[in-house]
Protein backbone atom coordinates (compact mmCIF):
# COMPACT_ATOMS: atom_id res chain seq x y z
CA MET A 1 -16.77 -1.77 22.34
CA ARG A 2 -13.43 -0.47 23.50
CA LEU A 3 -10.74 0.40 20.99
CA TRP A 4 -7.81 0.39 23.41
CA LEU A 5 -6.92 -2.22 26.00
CA LYS A 6 -4.42 -2.00 28.78
CA ASP A 7 -1.45 -4.34 28.50
CA SER A 8 -2.69 -6.26 31.53
CA GLU A 9 -6.03 -6.94 29.81
CA ARG A 10 -4.60 -8.17 26.50
CA ARG A 11 -4.40 -11.83 25.65
CA PRO A 12 -0.96 -13.08 24.64
CA ASP A 13 -0.07 -12.98 20.96
CA PRO A 14 -0.48 -16.33 19.17
CA SER A 15 2.62 -18.14 18.09
CA PRO A 16 3.56 -17.77 14.40
CA VAL A 17 2.30 -20.42 12.02
CA LYS A 18 5.02 -22.53 10.35
CA THR A 19 4.62 -22.30 6.58
CA ASP A 20 6.66 -23.39 3.59
CA ASP A 21 6.61 -20.40 1.26
CA ARG A 22 8.79 -22.22 -1.27
CA LYS A 23 5.82 -24.31 -2.40
CA ALA A 24 3.71 -21.22 -3.09
CA MET A 25 6.59 -19.64 -5.01
CA LEU A 26 7.05 -22.82 -7.03
CA VAL A 27 3.36 -22.83 -7.99
CA GLY A 28 3.62 -19.18 -9.08
CA VAL A 29 6.72 -19.82 -11.19
CA SER A 30 5.12 -22.85 -12.81
CA LEU A 31 2.06 -20.79 -13.72
CA TRP A 32 4.28 -18.11 -15.30
CA LEU A 33 6.04 -20.87 -17.21
CA VAL A 34 2.73 -22.26 -18.49
CA ALA A 35 1.72 -18.75 -19.56
CA LEU A 36 5.01 -18.35 -21.43
CA VAL A 37 4.54 -21.64 -23.25
CA VAL A 38 1.01 -20.66 -24.27
CA LEU A 39 2.22 -17.28 -25.53
CA LEU A 40 5.04 -18.94 -27.47
CA ALA A 41 2.46 -21.24 -29.07
CA VAL A 42 0.60 -18.21 -30.46
CA LEU A 43 3.70 -16.11 -31.11
CA GLY A 44 2.79 -15.03 -34.66
CA PRO A 45 -0.61 -13.51 -33.90
CA LEU A 46 0.71 -12.11 -30.63
CA LEU A 47 3.46 -10.15 -32.34
CA ALA A 48 1.14 -9.12 -35.17
CA ALA A 49 -1.22 -7.57 -32.61
CA GLY A 50 1.67 -5.68 -31.01
CA ASN A 51 1.58 -7.55 -27.71
CA GLY A 52 5.16 -8.80 -27.63
CA LEU A 53 5.67 -7.33 -24.15
CA TRP A 54 3.49 -10.08 -22.73
CA LEU A 55 6.40 -12.47 -23.35
CA TRP A 56 8.72 -10.28 -21.32
CA THR A 57 6.15 -10.10 -18.55
CA CYS A 58 6.25 -13.88 -18.27
CA VAL A 59 10.05 -13.96 -18.36
CA VAL A 60 10.29 -11.33 -15.62
CA GLY A 61 7.68 -13.20 -13.55
CA ILE A 62 9.73 -16.37 -13.81
CA ALA A 63 12.96 -14.59 -12.97
CA LEU A 64 11.50 -12.85 -9.92
CA GLY A 65 9.89 -16.08 -8.79
CA LEU A 66 13.24 -17.87 -8.99
CA VAL A 67 14.87 -15.08 -6.97
CA GLY A 68 12.05 -15.47 -4.45
CA ILE A 69 12.58 -19.23 -4.24
CA LEU A 70 16.29 -18.70 -3.67
CA TYR A 71 15.62 -16.12 -0.98
CA THR A 72 13.05 -18.23 0.87
CA ASN A 73 15.34 -21.24 0.59
CA TRP A 74 18.17 -19.19 2.11
CA ARG A 75 15.87 -17.84 4.83
CA HIS A 76 14.43 -21.30 5.57
CA THR A 77 17.84 -22.76 6.48
């Protein structure tokens, strides 16, 4: 097996696949939102155990996901 090919022996690169990254971002944001709702449902025991930072993790995940959706929406146009 050869590790290096001459440019004349290479096959052409495939064309890029068209994807809609906004849908994947939306799924991720919705999962962070579900996690936030679940954590808010058990807020008392969560804070008693000292795990209040989990709430902020969900909030930051949602915020970064929304920034990602805005960016991919801007890039898509």
